[in-house]
Amino acid sequence: MDEKLVQILFMIVLTLYILVKDAFVPLIKKLNGTKHNPINLDRFYQSFLDFKKAQEWINKKFEKNIEKLDERLDSLERRK
């Protein structure tokens, strides 16, 4: 019985949070005359570029490691 009560309370709190966040806050900002822009596209694009640079760096590092392991495997095969 206690678990059901906790689940019901959690769902009520979650519903209220979503309602306030997605409905009331934008409505209040609209009534006050402030523009509501939840996504700053410049920041989003810069984050995307940073991610791509990091991804390229990691890929290069993996390629170097793979090449080293291939060379090591070739040298070990030659010894046999």
Protein backbone atom coordinates (compact mmCIF):
# COMPACT_ATOMS: atom_id res chain seq x y z
CA MET A 1 0.00 0.00 0.00
CA ASP A 2 2.84 2.38 0.79
CA GLU A 3 4.52 1.80 -2.58
CA LYS A 4 1.31 2.70 -4.41
CA LEU A 5 0.98 5.90 -2.40
CA VAL A 6 4.58 6.87 -3.12
CA GLN A 7 4.08 6.20 -6.85
CA ILE A 8 0.89 8.26 -6.91
CA LEU A 9 2.56 11.16 -5.08
CA PHE A 10 5.56 10.97 -7.42
CA MET A 11 3.31 11.11 -10.48
CA ILE A 12 1.39 14.08 -9.06
CA VAL A 13 4.61 15.98 -8.31
CA LEU A 14 6.03 15.15 -11.75
CA THR A 15 2.81 16.28 -13.46
CA LEU A 16 2.81 19.55 -11.54
CA TYR A 17 6.46 20.17 -12.39
CA ILE A 18 5.87 19.60 -16.11
CA LEU A 19 2.76 21.76 -16.04
CA VAL A 20 4.56 24.65 -14.36
CA LYS A 21 7.69 24.32 -16.53
CA ASP A 22 5.96 23.97 -19.90
CA ALA A 23 2.77 25.96 -19.43
CA PHE A 24 2.91 28.55 -16.69
CA VAL A 25 6.48 29.83 -17.03
CA PRO A 26 6.17 30.63 -20.77
CA LEU A 27 2.72 32.15 -20.17
CA ILE A 28 4.06 34.43 -17.43
CA LYS A 29 7.04 35.44 -19.58
CA LYS A 30 4.69 36.19 -22.48
CA LEU A 31 2.45 38.32 -20.27
CA ASN A 32 5.48 40.23 -18.95
CA GLY A 33 6.63 40.94 -22.50
CA THR A 34 9.88 39.01 -22.31
CA LYS A 35 10.82 36.79 -25.19
CA HIS A 36 11.09 33.12 -24.40
CA ASN A 37 13.85 31.40 -26.34
CA PRO A 38 14.64 28.10 -24.63
CA ILE A 39 17.31 27.09 -27.16
CA ASN A 40 20.16 29.37 -28.05
CA LEU A 41 21.08 28.15 -31.53
CA ASP A 42 24.56 29.69 -31.46
CA ARG A 43 25.44 27.82 -28.28
CA PHE A 44 23.89 24.64 -29.62
CA TYR A 45 25.90 24.91 -32.85
CA GLN A 46 29.12 25.66 -30.95
CA SER A 47 28.54 22.63 -28.74
CA PHE A 48 28.00 20.55 -31.85
CA LEU A 49 31.27 21.82 -33.36
CA ASP A 50 33.14 21.11 -30.13
CA PHE A 51 31.70 17.60 -30.09
CA LYS A 52 32.77 17.00 -33.70
CA LYS A 53 36.34 18.20 -32.94
CA ALA A 54 36.54 15.92 -29.92
CA GLN A 55 35.16 13.05 -31.96
CA GLU A 56 37.78 13.60 -34.69
CA TRP A 57 40.56 13.70 -32.09
CA ILE A 58 39.34 10.45 -30.51
CA ASN A 59 39.03 8.77 -33.91
CA LYS A 60 42.60 9.75 -34.82
CA LYS A 61 43.83 8.43 -31.50
CA PHE A 62 42.04 5.11 -32.05
CA GLU A 63 43.43 4.84 -35.58
CA LYS A 64 46.98 5.39 -34.28
CA ASN A 65 46.46 2.75 -31.60
CA ILE A 66 45.07 0.31 -34.15
CA GLU A 67 48.02 0.92 -36.47
CA LYS A 68 50.47 0.32 -33.61
CA LEU A 69 48.69 -2.90 -32.66
CA ASP A 70 48.68 -4.04 -36.30
CA GLU A 71 52.43 -3.39 -36.57
CA ARG A 72 53.02 -5.25 -33.32
CA LEU A 73 50.92 -8.18 -34.53
CA ASP A 74 52.84 -8.24 -37.83
CA SER A 75 56.17 -8.25 -36.01
CA LEU A 76 55.02 -11.08 -33.73
CA GLU A 77 53.82 -13.10 -36.74
CA ARG A 78 57.18 -12.63 -38.46
CA ARG A 79 59.02 -14.02 -35.43
CA LYS A 80 57.14 -17.29 -35.63
